[in-house]
C-alpha atoms as a PDB file:
ATOM      1  CA  MET A   1     -66.906   7.298 -73.662  1.00  0.00           C
ATOM      2  CA  GLU A   2     -70.349   5.779 -73.285  1.00  0.00           C
ATOM      3  CA  PHE A   3     -69.348   4.510 -69.808  1.00  0.00           C
ATOM      4  CA  PHE A   4     -68.707   8.046 -68.516  1.00  0.00           C
ATOM      5  CA  ASP A   5     -71.876   9.473 -70.100  1.00  0.00           C
ATOM      6  CA  ALA A   6     -73.973   7.382 -67.713  1.00  0.00           C
ATOM      7  CA  TYR A   7     -72.954   9.726 -64.875  1.00  0.00           C
ATOM      8  CA  GLY A   8     -74.592  12.766 -66.439  1.00  0.00           C
ATOM      9  CA  PRO A   9     -73.833  15.462 -68.899  1.00  0.00           C
ATOM     10  CA  ASN A  10     -71.685  17.483 -66.401  1.00  0.00           C
ATOM     11  CA  SER A  11     -69.281  14.644 -65.794  1.00  0.00           C
ATOM     12  CA  GLN A  12     -65.613  15.263 -66.568  1.00  0.00           C
ATOM     13  CA  ALA A  13     -63.413  12.717 -68.148  1.00  0.00           C
ATOM     14  CA  LEU A  14     -60.767  11.226 -65.857  1.00  0.00           C
ATOM     15  CA  THR A  15     -57.279  10.796 -67.201  1.00  0.00           C
ATOM     16  CA  PHE A  16     -54.956   8.189 -65.622  1.00  0.00           C
ATOM     17  CA  PHE A  17     -51.185   8.214 -66.009  1.00  0.00           C
ATOM     18  CA  ASP A  18     -49.221   5.017 -65.941  1.00  0.00           C
ATOM     19  CA  PRO A  19     -45.843   5.666 -64.227  1.00  0.00           C
ATOM     20  CA  GLU A  20     -44.220   2.797 -65.993  1.00  0.00           C
ATOM     21  CA  GLU A  21     -45.153   4.193 -69.370  1.00  0.00           C
ATOM     22  CA  SER A  22     -44.622   7.878 -68.714  1.00  0.00           C
ATOM     23  CA  ASP A  23     -41.622   7.395 -66.344  1.00  0.00           C
ATOM     24  CA  LEU A  24     -42.581  10.674 -64.665  1.00  0.00           C
ATOM     25  CA  ILE A  25     -42.326  10.045 -60.950  1.00  0.00           C
ATOM     26  CA  GLY A  26     -42.573  13.719 -60.124  1.00  0.00           C
ATOM     27  CA  GLY A  27     -45.499  14.357 -62.487  1.00  0.00           C
ATOM     28  CA  ASP A  28     -48.690  16.164 -61.589  1.00  0.00           C
ATOM     29  CA  THR A  29     -51.044  13.405 -60.441  1.00  0.00           C
ATOM     30  CA  GLN A  30     -53.258  15.511 -58.162  1.00  0.00           C
ATOM     31  CA  GLY A  31     -55.963  18.049 -58.684  1.00  0.00           C
ATOM     32  CA  PRO A  32     -55.388  21.799 -58.937  1.00  0.00           C
ATOM     33  CA  ASP A  33     -56.067  22.269 -55.222  1.00  0.00           C
ATOM     34  CA  PHE A  34     -53.022  20.141 -54.387  1.00  0.00           C
ATOM     35  CA  ASP A  35     -50.722  21.369 -57.110  1.00  0.00           C
ATOM     36  CA  CYS A  36     -47.172  20.119 -56.621  1.00  0.00           C
ATOM     37  CA  ALA A  37     -45.871  20.901 -60.054  1.00  0.00           C
ATOM     38  CA  ASP A  38     -42.750  22.530 -58.589  1.00  0.00           C
ATOM     39  CA  PHE A  39     -41.634  19.279 -56.957  1.00  0.00           C
ATOM     40  CA  THR A  40     -38.276  18.084 -58.332  1.00  0.00           C
ATOM     41  CA  LEU A  41     -35.881  15.321 -57.419  1.00  0.00           C
ATOM     42  CA  PRO A  42     -32.710  16.377 -55.542  1.00  0.00           C
ATOM     43  CA  SER A  43     -29.612  16.690 -57.609  1.00  0.00           C
ATOM     44  CA  GLN A  44     -26.552  14.540 -57.107  1.00  0.00           C
ATOM     45  CA  THR A  45     -24.787  17.304 -55.166  1.00  0.00           C
ATOM     46  CA  GLN A  46     -27.756  17.805 -52.869  1.00  0.00           C
ATOM     47  CA  ALA A  47     -28.097  14.056 -52.331  1.00  0.00           C
ATOM     48  CA  SER A  48     -24.430  13.770 -51.356  1.00  0.00           C
ATOM     49  CA  GLN A  49     -24.841  16.716 -48.985  1.00  0.00           C
ATOM     50  CA  VAL A  50     -27.778  14.982 -47.314  1.00  0.00           C
ATOM     51  CA  ASP A  51     -25.724  11.809 -46.920  1.00  0.00           C
ATOM     52  CA  LEU A  52     -22.863  13.861 -45.454  1.00  0.00           C
ATOM     53  CA  ASP A  53     -25.190  15.499 -42.949  1.00  0.00           C
ATOM     54  CA  ARG A  54     -26.557  12.119 -41.964  1.00  0.00           C
ATOM     55  CA  GLY A  55     -23.002  10.865 -41.459  1.00  0.00           C
ATOM     56  CA  ASN A  56     -22.199  13.866 -39.288  1.00  0.00           C
ATOM     57  CA  PHE A  57     -25.277  13.252 -37.176  1.00  0.00           C
ATOM     58  CA  SER A  58     -24.307   9.607 -36.880  1.00  0.00           C
ATOM     59  CA  ARG A  59     -20.780  10.510 -35.759  1.00  0.00           C
ATOM     60  CA  LYS A  60     -22.183  12.996 -33.247  1.00  0.00           C
ATOM     61  CA  ASP A  61     -24.393  10.270 -31.840  1.00  0.00           C
ATOM     62  CA  ASP A  62     -21.398   7.947 -31.593  1.00  0.00           C
ATOM     63  CA  ALA A  63     -19.386  10.682 -29.881  1.00  0.00           C
ATOM     64  CA  THR A  64     -22.089  11.354 -27.337  1.00  0.00           C
ATOM     65  CA  LYS A  65     -22.394   7.692 -26.411  1.00  0.00           C
ATOM     66  CA  PRO A  66     -19.203   7.626 -24.226  1.00  0.00           C
ATOM     67  CA  VAL A  67     -20.332  10.846 -22.548  1.00  0.00           C
ATOM     68  CA  SER A  68     -23.707   9.298 -21.810  1.00  0.00           C
ATOM     69  CA  VAL A  69     -22.060   6.163 -20.420  1.00  0.00           C
ATOM     70  CA  LEU A  70     -19.707   8.257 -18.265  1.00  0.00           C
ATOM     71  CA  THR A  71     -22.603  10.347 -16.986  1.00  0.00           C
ATOM     72  CA  GLN A  72     -24.485   7.183 -16.090  1.00  0.00           C
ATOM     73  CA  ARG A  73     -21.484   5.765 -14.233  1.00  0.00           C
ATOM     74  CA  ILE A  74     -20.946   9.000 -12.293  1.00  0.00           C
ATOM     75  CA  SER A  75     -24.595   9.004 -11.282  1.00  0.00           C
ATOM     76  CA  ASP A  76     -24.163   5.462  -9.958  1.00  0.00           C
ATOM     77  CA  ILE A  77     -21.301   6.496  -7.655  1.00  0.00           C
ATOM     78  CA  ASN A  78     -22.307   7.067  -4.059  1.00  0.00           C
ATOM     79  CA  PHE A  79     -20.407  10.103  -2.844  1.00  0.00           C
ATOM     80  CA  LYS A  80     -19.822  10.161   0.914  1.00  0.00           C
ATOM     81  CA  ASP A  81     -20.045  13.503   2.627  1.00  0.00           C
ATOM     82  CA  GLU A  82     -17.091  14.226   4.904  1.00  0.00           C
ATOM     83  CA  SER A  83     -19.426  15.941   7.327  1.00  0.00           C
ATOM     84  CA  ASP A  84     -20.950  12.530   8.062  1.00  0.00           C
ATOM     85  CA  ASP A  85     -17.582  11.311   9.351  1.00  0.00           C
ATOM     86  CA  ALA A  86     -17.106  14.472  11.366  1.00  0.00           C
ATOM     87  CA  THR A  87     -20.453  14.077  13.091  1.00  0.00           C
ATOM     88  CA  GLN A  88     -20.012  10.340  13.613  1.00  0.00           C
ATOM     89  CA  GLN A  89     -19.800   9.406  17.273  1.00  0.00           C
ATOM     90  CA  LEU A  90     -16.353   7.939  17.912  1.00  0.00           C
ATOM     91  CA  PRO A  91     -15.864   5.213  20.539  1.00  0.00           C
ATOM     92  CA  GLU A  92     -14.163   5.921  23.832  1.00  0.00           C
ATOM     93  CA  HIS A  93     -10.913   4.273  22.724  1.00  0.00           C
ATOM     94  CA  ALA A  94     -10.511   6.476  19.632  1.00  0.00           C
ATOM     95  CA  CYS A  95      -7.207   8.289  19.228  1.00  0.00           C
ATOM     96  CA  ALA A  96      -7.419  11.716  20.858  1.00  0.00           C
ATOM     97  CA  TYR A  97      -5.485  13.181  17.921  1.00  0.00           C
ATOM     98  CA  CYS A  98      -6.792  11.615  14.716  1.00  0.00           C
ATOM     99  CA  GLY A  99      -9.798   9.529  15.814  1.00  0.00           C
ATOM    100  CA  ILE A 100      -8.537   6.108  14.657  1.00  0.00           C
ATOM    101  CA  HIS A 101     -10.245   3.484  16.818  1.00  0.00           C
ATOM    102  CA  ASP A 102      -8.945   0.098  15.695  1.00  0.00           C
ATOM    103  CA  PRO A 103      -8.428  -1.833  18.970  1.00  0.00           C
ATOM    104  CA  ALA A 104      -5.223  -3.378  17.641  1.00  0.00           C
ATOM    105  CA  CYS A 105      -3.727   0.053  16.847  1.00  0.00           C
ATOM    106  CA  VAL A 106      -4.477   2.096  19.971  1.00  0.00           C
ATOM    107  CA  VAL A 107      -2.754   2.389  23.358  1.00  0.00           C
ATOM    108  CA  TYR A 108      -4.100   3.771  26.632  1.00  0.00           C
ATOM    109  CA  SER A 109      -2.051   6.263  28.634  1.00  0.00           C
ATOM    110  CA  ASN A 110      -2.528   5.389  32.302  1.00  0.00           C
ATOM    111  CA  THR A 111      -1.386   8.835  33.431  1.00  0.00           C
ATOM    112  CA  THR A 112      -3.551  11.089  31.243  1.00  0.00           C
ATOM    113  CA  LYS A 113      -6.438   8.614  30.790  1.00  0.00           C
ATOM    114  CA  LYS A 114      -6.497   9.051  27.005  1.00  0.00           C
ATOM    115  CA  TRP A 115      -6.178   6.748  23.984  1.00  0.00           C
ATOM    116  CA  PHE A 116      -3.714   7.254  21.135  1.00  0.00           C
ATOM    117  CA  CYS A 117      -2.876   5.272  18.013  1.00  0.00           C
ATOM    118  CA  ASN A 118       0.472   3.992  16.794  1.00  0.00           C
ATOM    119  CA  GLY A 119       0.236   5.907  13.500  1.00  0.00           C
ATOM    120  CA  ARG A 120       2.414   8.858  12.610  1.00  0.00           C
ATOM    121  CA  GLY A 121      -0.053  11.010  10.695  1.00  0.00           C
ATOM    122  CA  ASN A 122       1.650  14.334   9.911  1.00  0.00           C
ATOM    123  CA  THR A 123       4.243  14.003  12.683  1.00  0.00           C
ATOM    124  CA  SER A 124       7.663  12.378  12.808  1.00  0.00           C
ATOM    125  CA  GLY A 125       6.687   9.943  15.558  1.00  0.00           C
ATOM    126  CA  SER A 126       3.587   7.966  16.404  1.00  0.00           C
ATOM    127  CA  HIS A 127       0.751   9.735  18.178  1.00  0.00           C
ATOM    128  CA  ILE A 128       1.134   7.701  21.359  1.00  0.00           C
ATOM    129  CA  VAL A 129       4.874   8.385  21.615  1.00  0.00           C
ATOM    130  CA  ASN A 130       4.342  12.082  20.879  1.00  0.00           C
ATOM    131  CA  HIS A 131       1.811  12.312  23.679  1.00  0.00           C
ATOM    132  CA  LEU A 132       3.923  10.382  26.182  1.00  0.00           C
ATOM    133  CA  VAL A 133       6.890  12.674  25.574  1.00  0.00           C
ATOM    134  CA  ARG A 134       4.899  15.916  25.777  1.00  0.00           C
ATOM    135  CA  ALA A 135       2.842  14.827  28.791  1.00  0.00           C
ATOM    136  CA  ARG A 136       5.850  13.214  30.510  1.00  0.00           C
ATOM    137  CA  ALA A 137       3.908   9.992  30.887  1.00  0.00           C
ATOM    138  CA  LYS A 138       5.477   6.539  30.923  1.00  0.00           C
ATOM    139  CA  GLU A 139       2.812   3.917  31.624  1.00  0.00           C
ATOM    140  CA  VAL A 140       0.536   2.425  28.958  1.00  0.00           C
ATOM    141  CA  THR A 141      -1.991  -0.381  28.602  1.00  0.00           C
ATOM    142  CA  LEU A 142      -3.116  -2.183  25.460  1.00  0.00           C
ATOM    143  CA  HIS A 143      -6.750  -2.542  24.399  1.00  0.00           C
ATOM    144  CA  LYS A 144      -8.718  -5.523  25.647  1.00  0.00           C
ATOM    145  CA  ASP A 145      -9.861  -6.403  22.104  1.00  0.00           C
ATOM    146  CA  GLY A 146      -6.339  -6.261  20.666  1.00  0.00           C
ATOM    147  CA  PRO A 147      -4.107  -9.241  19.857  1.00  0.00           C
ATOM    148  CA  LEU A 148      -2.420  -9.097  23.303  1.00  0.00           C
ATOM    149  CA  LYS A 149      -5.591  -8.172  25.249  1.00  0.00           C
ATOM    150  CA  ASP A 150      -5.517  -5.513  27.983  1.00  0.00           C
ATOM    151  CA  THR A 151      -1.870  -6.016  28.888  1.00  0.00           C
ATOM    152  CA  LEU A 152      -0.090  -3.546  31.138  1.00  0.00           C
ATOM    153  CA  LEU A 153       3.422  -3.172  29.762  1.00  0.00           C
ATOM    154  CA  GLU A 154       5.856  -3.718  32.626  1.00  0.00           C
ATOM    155  CA  CYS A 155       9.154  -5.390  33.382  1.00  0.00           C
ATOM    156  CA  TYR A 156       8.985  -9.132  33.995  1.00  0.00           C
ATOM    157  CA  VAL A 157      11.515  -8.947  36.849  1.00  0.00           C
ATOM    158  CA  CYS A 158      11.022  -5.696  38.762  1.00  0.00           C
ATOM    159  CA  GLY A 159       7.618  -4.536  37.504  1.00  0.00           C
ATOM    160  CA  SER A 160       8.832  -1.190  36.174  1.00  0.00           C
ATOM    161  CA  LYS A 161       6.272   0.395  33.851  1.00  0.00           C
ATOM    162  CA  ASN A 162       8.483   2.950  32.119  1.00  0.00           C
ATOM    163  CA  VAL A 163       7.968   2.025  28.461  1.00  0.00           C
ATOM    164  CA  PHE A 164      10.999   4.071  27.409  1.00  0.00           C
ATOM    165  CA  ASN A 165      13.224   1.686  29.382  1.00  0.00           C
ATOM    166  CA  LEU A 166      11.436  -1.514  28.428  1.00  0.00           C
ATOM    167  CA  GLY A 167      12.613  -3.977  25.828  1.00  0.00           C
ATOM    168  CA  PHE A 168      12.012  -7.581  24.886  1.00  0.00           C
ATOM    169  CA  VAL A 169      14.207 -10.671  24.930  1.00  0.00           C
ATOM    170  CA  PRO A 170      13.242 -14.047  23.426  1.00  0.00           C
ATOM    171  CA  ALA A 171      13.102 -16.767  26.058  1.00  0.00           C
ATOM    172  CA  LYS A 172      15.380 -19.738  25.499  1.00  0.00           C
ATOM    173  CA  SER A 173      13.136 -22.553  26.679  1.00  0.00           C
ATOM    174  CA  GLU A 174       9.797 -21.376  25.282  1.00  0.00           C
ATOM    175  CA  SER A 175       8.620 -19.595  22.152  1.00  0.00           C
ATOM    176  CA  VAL A 176       7.736 -16.420  24.059  1.00  0.00           C
ATOM    177  CA  VAL A 177       9.289 -13.025  24.616  1.00  0.00           C
ATOM    178  CA  VAL A 178       9.979 -11.394  27.955  1.00  0.00           C
ATOM    179  CA  LEU A 179       9.712  -7.664  28.660  1.00  0.00           C
ATOM    180  CA  LEU A 180      12.707  -6.455  30.656  1.00  0.00           C
ATOM    181  CA  CYS A 181      14.227  -3.168  31.759  1.00  0.00           C
ATOM    182  CA  ARG A 182      17.290  -1.801  30.054  1.00  0.00           C
ATOM    183  CA  ASN A 183      20.690  -2.610  31.602  1.00  0.00           C
ATOM    184  CA  VAL A 184      19.637  -3.833  35.067  1.00  0.00           C
ATOM    185  CA  CYS A 185      17.083  -6.612  34.685  1.00  0.00           C
ATOM    186  CA  ALA A 186      18.185  -7.633  31.197  1.00  0.00           C
ATOM    187  CA  ASN A 187      21.686  -8.407  32.490  1.00  0.00           C
ATOM    188  CA  MET A 188      20.507 -10.612  35.337  1.00  0.00           C
ATOM    189  CA  ASN A 189      21.606 -14.086  34.243  1.00  0.00           C
ATOM    190  CA  LYS A 190      20.872 -15.890  37.497  1.00  0.00           C
ATOM    191  CA  ASP A 191      18.278 -18.162  35.919  1.00  0.00           C
ATOM    192  CA  MET A 192      19.635 -17.966  32.367  1.00  0.00           C
ATOM    193  CA  TYR A 193      16.152 -17.801  30.894  1.00  0.00           C
ATOM    194  CA  TRP A 194      17.184 -15.274  28.228  1.00  0.00           C
ATOM    195  CA  ASP A 195      20.190 -13.922  26.386  1.00  0.00           C
ATOM    196  CA  PRO A 196      20.896 -10.251  27.256  1.00  0.00           C
ATOM    197  CA  ALA A 197      22.618  -9.728  23.911  1.00  0.00           C
ATOM    198  CA  GLN A 198      19.272 -10.098  22.146  1.00  0.00           C
ATOM    199  CA  TRP A 199      17.577  -7.308  24.107  1.00  0.00           C
ATOM    200  CA  GLN A 200      15.769  -4.779  21.874  1.00  0.00           C
ATOM    201  CA  PRO A 201      13.641  -1.753  22.856  1.00  0.00           C
ATOM    202  CA  ILE A 202       9.899  -1.927  22.288  1.00  0.00           C
ATOM    203  CA  ILE A 203       9.941   1.649  20.928  1.00  0.00           C
ATOM    204  CA  GLN A 204      11.987   2.032  17.772  1.00  0.00           C
ATOM    205  CA  GLY A 205      11.906   5.007  15.428  1.00  0.00           C
ATOM    206  CA  ARG A 206       9.558   6.862  17.812  1.00  0.00           C
ATOM    207  CA  GLN A 207       6.982   4.124  17.309  1.00  0.00           C
ATOM    208  CA  PHE A 208       5.920   0.974  19.144  1.00  0.00           C
ATOM    209  CA  LEU A 209       6.880  -2.269  17.456  1.00  0.00           C
ATOM    210  CA  SER A 210       4.177  -3.477  15.087  1.00  0.00           C
ATOM    211  CA  TRP A 211       3.871  -6.920  16.708  1.00  0.00           C
ATOM    212  CA  LEU A 212       3.073  -5.186  19.994  1.00  0.00           C
ATOM    213  CA  VAL A 213       0.811  -2.412  18.666  1.00  0.00           C
ATOM    214  CA  LYS A 214      -0.214  -2.525  15.021  1.00  0.00           C
ATOM    215  CA  VAL A 215       0.317   0.471  12.762  1.00  0.00           C
ATOM    216  CA  PRO A 216      -2.853   1.793  11.064  1.00  0.00           C
ATOM    217  CA  SER A 217      -2.985   1.334   7.307  1.00  0.00           C
ATOM    218  CA  GLU A 218      -2.209   4.249   5.008  1.00  0.00           C
ATOM    219  CA  GLU A 219      -5.847   4.324   3.901  1.00  0.00           C
ATOM    220  CA  ALA A 220      -7.066   4.568   7.495  1.00  0.00           C
ATOM    221  CA  GLN A 221      -4.583   7.342   8.271  1.00  0.00           C
ATOM    222  CA  ALA A 222      -5.610   9.247   5.134  1.00  0.00           C
ATOM    223  CA  LYS A 223      -9.285   9.111   6.143  1.00  0.00           C
ATOM    224  CA  ALA A 224      -8.552  10.073   9.744  1.00  0.00           C
ATOM    225  CA  ARG A 225      -8.473  13.578  11.168  1.00  0.00           C
ATOM    226  CA  GLN A 226      -5.333  15.422  10.119  1.00  0.00           C
ATOM    227  CA  LEU A 227      -3.492  17.438  12.768  1.00  0.00           C
ATOM    228  CA  SER A 228      -0.264  19.337  12.303  1.00  0.00           C
ATOM    229  CA  ALA A 229       2.531  19.411  14.870  1.00  0.00           C
ATOM    230  CA  GLN A 230       1.528  22.955  15.812  1.00  0.00           C
ATOM    231  CA  GLN A 231      -2.062  21.901  16.487  1.00  0.00           C
ATOM    232  CA  ILE A 232      -0.859  18.966  18.587  1.00  0.00           C
ATOM    233  CA  ASN A 233       1.330  21.283  20.676  1.00  0.00           C
ATOM    234  CA  LEU A 234      -1.591  23.643  21.213  1.00  0.00           C
ATOM    235  CA  LEU A 235      -3.878  20.753  22.160  1.00  0.00           C
ATOM    236  CA  GLU A 236      -1.359  19.444  24.698  1.00  0.00           C
ATOM    237  CA  GLU A 237      -1.133  22.892  26.282  1.00  0.00           C
ATOM    238  CA  ARG A 238      -4.914  23.080  26.525  1.00  0.00           C
ATOM    239  CA  TRP A 239      -5.057  19.660  28.179  1.00  0.00           C
ATOM    240  CA  LYS A 240      -2.876  20.963  30.992  1.00  0.00           C
ATOM    241  CA  GLU A 241      -5.614  23.492  31.802  1.00  0.00           C
ATOM    242  CA  ASN A 242      -8.643  21.418  30.854  1.00  0.00           C
ATOM    243  CA  PRO A 243      -8.200  17.677  30.168  1.00  0.00           C
ATOM    244  CA  GLU A 244     -11.635  17.581  28.513  1.00  0.00           C
ATOM    245  CA  THR A 245     -10.601  19.908  25.680  1.00  0.00           C
ATOM    246  CA  ALA A 246     -11.462  18.432  22.262  1.00  0.00           C
ATOM    247  CA  VAL A 247      -9.846  18.985  18.892  1.00  0.00           C
ATOM    248  CA  GLU A 248     -12.933  20.869  17.718  1.00  0.00           C
ATOM    249  CA  ASP A 249     -12.348  23.451  20.455  1.00  0.00           C
ATOM    250  CA  LEU A 250      -9.167  24.585  18.730  1.00  0.00           C
ATOM    251  CA  GLU A 251     -11.189  25.955  15.814  1.00  0.00           C
ATOM    252  CA  LYS A 252     -13.470  28.067  17.975  1.00  0.00           C
ATOM    253  CA  PRO A 253     -12.904  31.830  17.688  1.00  0.00           C
ATOM    254  CA  GLY A 254     -11.040  33.504  20.493  1.00  0.00           C
ATOM    255  CA  THR A 255      -9.142  30.410  21.604  1.00  0.00           C
ATOM    256  CA  ASP A 256      -5.814  31.637  20.270  1.00  0.00           C
ATOM    257  CA  GLU A 257      -5.804  35.389  20.651  1.00  0.00           C
ATOM    258  CA  GLU A 258      -2.669  37.230  19.605  1.00  0.00           C
ATOM    259  CA  VAL A 259      -1.340  40.130  21.628  1.00  0.00           C
ATOM    260  CA  ALA A 260      -0.085  43.349  20.137  1.00  0.00           C
ATOM    261  CA  PRO A 261       3.674  43.395  19.518  1.00  0.00           C
ATOM    262  CA  VAL A 262       5.967  45.658  21.499  1.00  0.00           C
ATOM    263  CA  VAL A 263       7.177  48.735  19.605  1.00  0.00           C
ATOM    264  CA  LEU A 264      10.079  51.116  20.207  1.00  0.00           C
ATOM    265  CA  ARG A 265       7.960  54.232  20.564  1.00  0.00           C
ATOM    266  CA  TYR A 266       4.409  54.682  21.817  1.00  0.00           C
ATOM    267  CA  GLU A 267       2.150  57.474  20.730  1.00  0.00           C
ATOM    268  CA  SER A 268       0.298  57.647  24.038  1.00  0.00           C
ATOM    269  CA  SER A 269       0.114  56.126  27.491  1.00  0.00           C
ATOM    270  CA  GLU A 270      -3.092  54.355  26.499  1.00  0.00           C
ATOM    271  CA  GLN A 271      -1.293  52.497  23.712  1.00  0.00           C
ATOM    272  CA  TYR A 272       1.420  51.485  26.169  1.00  0.00           C
ATOM    273  CA  ARG A 273      -1.177  50.206  28.624  1.00  0.00           C
ATOM    274  CA  ARG A 274      -3.068  48.204  25.960  1.00  0.00           C
ATOM    275  CA  THR A 275       0.189  46.587  24.891  1.00  0.00           C
ATOM    276  CA  PHE A 276       1.655  45.569  28.241  1.00  0.00           C
ATOM    277  CA  ILE A 277      -1.408  44.564  30.260  1.00  0.00           C
ATOM    278  CA  PRO A 278      -2.015  41.392  28.141  1.00  0.00           C
ATOM    279  CA  LEU A 279       1.697  40.548  28.342  1.00  0.00           C
ATOM    280  CA  VAL A 280       1.730  40.872  32.129  1.00  0.00           C
ATOM    281  CA  ASN A 281      -1.351  38.661  32.392  1.00  0.00           C
ATOM    282  CA  ILE A 282       0.190  36.002  30.169  1.00  0.00           C
ATOM    283  CA  GLU A 283       3.364  35.973  32.256  1.00  0.00           C
ATOM    284  CA  ALA A 284       1.358  35.683  35.479  1.00  0.00           C
ATOM    285  CA  VAL A 285      -0.578  32.704  34.127  1.00  0.00           C
ATOM    286  CA  TYR A 286       2.665  31.049  33.000  1.00  0.00           C
ATOM    287  CA  GLU A 287       4.285  31.498  36.423  1.00  0.00           C
ATOM    288  CA  ARG A 288       1.242  30.037  38.131  1.00  0.00           C
ATOM    289  CA  LYS A 289       1.230  26.983  35.855  1.00  0.00           C
ATOM    290  CA  LEU A 290       4.959  26.527  36.361  1.00  0.00           C
ATOM    291  CA  LYS A 291       4.591  26.455  40.137  1.00  0.00           C
ATOM    292  CA  GLU A 292       1.637  24.092  39.950  1.00  0.00           C
ATOM    293  CA  SER A 293       3.598  21.699  37.759  1.00  0.00           C
ATOM    294  CA  LEU A 294       6.300  21.376  40.430  1.00  0.00           C
ATOM    295  CA  LYS A 295       3.989  19.651  42.874  1.00  0.00           C
ATOM    296  CA  LEU A 296       4.293  15.937  43.568  1.00  0.00           C
ATOM    297  CA  GLU A 297       1.336  13.652  44.142  1.00  0.00           C
ATOM    298  CA  ASN A 298       1.045  10.317  45.942  1.00  0.00           C
ATOM    299  CA  VAL A 299       4.240  10.893  47.908  1.00  0.00           C
ATOM    300  CA  ILE A 300       4.690   8.419  50.770  1.00  0.00           C
ATOM    301  CA  VAL A 301       6.550   9.635  53.867  1.00  0.00           C
ATOM    302  CA  ARG A 302       7.911   7.211  56.472  1.00  0.00           C
ATOM    303  CA  ARG A 303       9.317   8.521  59.752  1.00  0.00           C
ATOM    304  CA  GLU A 304      11.724   6.588  61.944  1.00  0.00           C
ATOM    305  CA  VAL A 305      13.728   7.343  65.044  1.00  0.00           C
ATOM    306  CA  GLY A 306      17.428   6.713  64.673  1.00  0.00           C
ATOM    307  CA  LEU A 307      19.880   5.287  67.179  1.00  0.00           C
ATOM    308  CA  ASN A 308      20.873   8.794  68.172  1.00  0.00           C
ATOM    309  CA  ARG A 309      17.247   9.576  68.987  1.00  0.00           C
ATOM    310  CA  LYS A 310      16.927  11.799  65.954  1.00  0.00           C
ATOM    311  CA  LEU A 311      13.896  11.684  63.699  1.00  0.00           C
ATOM    312  CA  PHE A 312      14.468  10.573  60.084  1.00  0.00           C
ATOM    313  CA  ALA A 313      11.971  10.904  57.253  1.00  0.00           C
ATOM    314  CA  TYR A 314      12.006   8.697  54.174  1.00  0.00           C
ATOM    315  CA  PHE A 315      10.190   9.901  51.069  1.00  0.00           C
ATOM    316  CA  ARG A 316       8.955   7.539  48.393  1.00  0.00           C
ATOM    317  CA  ILE A 317       8.199   9.423  45.178  1.00  0.00           C
ATOM    318  CA  PRO A 318       6.298   7.420  42.524  1.00  0.00           C
ATOM    319  CA  GLY A 319       8.255   7.114  39.305  1.00  0.00           C
ATOM    320  CA  ALA A 320      11.474   8.564  40.696  1.00  0.00           C
ATOM    321  CA  ASN A 321      13.210   5.185  40.729  1.00  0.00           C
ATOM    322  CA  GLU A 322      11.996   4.258  37.263  1.00  0.00           C
ATOM    323  CA  GLY A 323      14.127   6.675  35.266  1.00  0.00           C
END
């Protein structure tokens, strides 16, 4: 005690506790200002509960890891807006129906001056065959960048360009095929260059043969513009009036106005007038188009004087002798 007396008479004695001797880990080792006498060790039940909570948090972290990985992968995906494809400028040789523009898959209609692909889309036949039938066209040309270059499909013998009468026959002497007309030119065996029994049409199943015009892949057709048969019919009708009509014009309001149906009884003369005036106008437009469609273009007339001094006229109508 003499050591502590050197600090003055008001000094307080300090008491030290050895934890190893007292074995009181939770004992009061601080002054009264920092009294923690109520501190106790957790019981076994509380300790197990803490471990259980930690395990739950650990499992939650493990469960959220796949979600975090999936979120990261989704954020890495570059989504392509379909509006970008819609606004993309298509080349001149793109299909007038669906927009496919692979040079090996498109065909040019010489009559209507439009390109069409050999894919079916949502129709039973290919787009080019559908258009040729509806437009009553028969002559086509392949693309210059395709496998067969810019070839005009015509008969090897007579030069007929009606693709619905054309077929191919393998040549005997060379490893090539010859395009010939059905029946007439295919049966001409004067030179014996081909076997008529092997003649096959170039259009089978309402589609050009794939070695002549390739068929677009399913992926390309799925990404292309989708048109129903009804929309194609409407587009073909619009082309008769305006060849520059685009597919986007079909979606404009007012392009397909419906007239009021005819009823058995009318409440007033005004209702009768509103019903029949649009019908009369539609019929007049149809009659005018029908008469205009009967005209023939590029007709050649040759006049000769016969032996009896009478005048004879010979008419040459393009396409009339081609079936």
